[in-house]
């Protein structure tokens, strides 16, 4: 995976929000930074776009296998 440039972003939130972020991150086994980064990616659709690209790539790679398994001989 290619390395991406990182930017620092400082955010102020109330103590309850900070506590919730820490608890959620801990429950998911990740840092608060990573947790927030994933939330923003989900909100901006990057995760969905990445999933669709990966699914399309998978289908291209295994198209012939699926066609053989389902009896579709058009390919």
Protein backbone atom coordinates (compact mmCIF):
# COMPACT_ATOMS: atom_id res chain seq x y z
CA UNK A 1 0.00 0.00 0.00
CA UNK A 2 1.34 3.43 -0.89
CA UNK A 3 2.14 5.79 1.93
CA UNK A 4 0.04 8.89 2.15
CA UNK A 5 0.99 12.25 3.56
CA UNK A 6 -0.42 12.85 7.00
CA UNK A 7 -1.75 16.15 8.26
CA UNK A 8 -2.24 17.05 11.86
CA UNK A 9 -5.68 18.22 12.90
CA UNK A 10 -6.46 19.43 16.40
CA UNK A 11 -10.09 19.29 17.47
CA UNK A 12 -11.76 20.45 20.68
CA UNK A 13 -14.75 18.47 21.92
CA UNK A 14 -16.59 18.30 25.21
CA UNK A 15 -15.42 15.74 27.78
CA UNK A 16 -18.35 13.41 27.12
CA UNK A 17 -17.56 13.24 23.42
CA UNK A 18 -13.87 12.67 24.13
CA UNK A 19 -14.72 9.88 26.57
CA UNK A 20 -17.07 8.25 24.05
CA UNK A 21 -14.40 8.41 21.33
CA UNK A 22 -11.81 6.81 23.63
CA UNK A 23 -14.23 4.04 24.66
CA UNK A 24 -15.29 3.27 21.08
CA UNK A 25 -11.70 3.24 19.86
CA UNK A 26 -10.64 0.96 22.70
CA UNK A 27 -13.56 -1.41 22.04
CA UNK A 28 -12.49 -1.64 18.39
CA UNK A 29 -8.82 -2.11 19.27
CA UNK A 30 -7.62 1.04 17.60
CA UNK A 31 -6.28 4.46 18.46
CA UNK A 32 -8.58 7.44 18.79
CA UNK A 33 -6.84 8.97 15.77
CA UNK A 34 -7.59 5.90 13.66
CA UNK A 35 -11.17 5.77 14.93
CA UNK A 36 -11.81 9.41 14.00
CA UNK A 37 -10.08 8.93 10.64
CA UNK A 38 -12.35 5.99 9.83
CA UNK A 39 -15.46 7.93 10.82
CA UNK A 40 -14.52 10.78 8.49
CA UNK A 41 -13.74 8.36 5.65
CA UNK A 42 -17.09 6.66 6.10
CA UNK A 43 -18.86 10.00 6.16
CA UNK A 44 -17.15 11.17 2.97
CA UNK A 45 -17.85 7.89 1.18
CA UNK A 46 -14.21 6.87 0.75
CA UNK A 47 -14.79 3.50 2.44
CA UNK A 48 -17.74 2.73 0.19
CA UNK A 49 -15.84 3.74 -2.92
CA UNK A 50 -12.86 1.61 -1.91
CA UNK A 51 -15.16 -1.38 -1.28
CA UNK A 52 -16.82 -1.05 -4.70
CA UNK A 53 -13.43 -0.83 -6.42
CA UNK A 54 -12.19 -3.93 -4.56
CA UNK A 55 -15.39 -5.85 -5.35
CA UNK A 56 -15.15 -4.94 -9.05
CA UNK A 57 -11.50 -6.02 -9.14
CA UNK A 58 -12.41 -9.31 -7.44
CA UNK A 59 -15.15 -9.97 -9.98
CA UNK A 60 -12.79 -9.25 -12.88
CA UNK A 61 -10.23 -11.67 -11.46
CA UNK A 62 -12.71 -14.48 -10.84
CA UNK A 63 -15.23 -13.89 -13.63
CA UNK A 64 -14.28 -17.10 -15.47
CA UNK A 65 -14.47 -19.19 -12.30
CA UNK A 66 -17.98 -17.91 -11.55
CA UNK A 67 -19.05 -18.49 -15.15
CA UNK A 68 -17.79 -22.08 -15.01
CA UNK A 69 -19.47 -22.75 -11.67
CA UNK A 70 -22.82 -21.38 -12.80
CA UNK A 71 -22.71 -22.92 -16.26
CA UNK A 72 -22.52 -19.57 -18.03
CA UNK A 73 -20.48 -20.38 -21.15
CA UNK A 74 -20.84 -16.96 -22.81
CA UNK A 75 -17.40 -15.90 -21.56
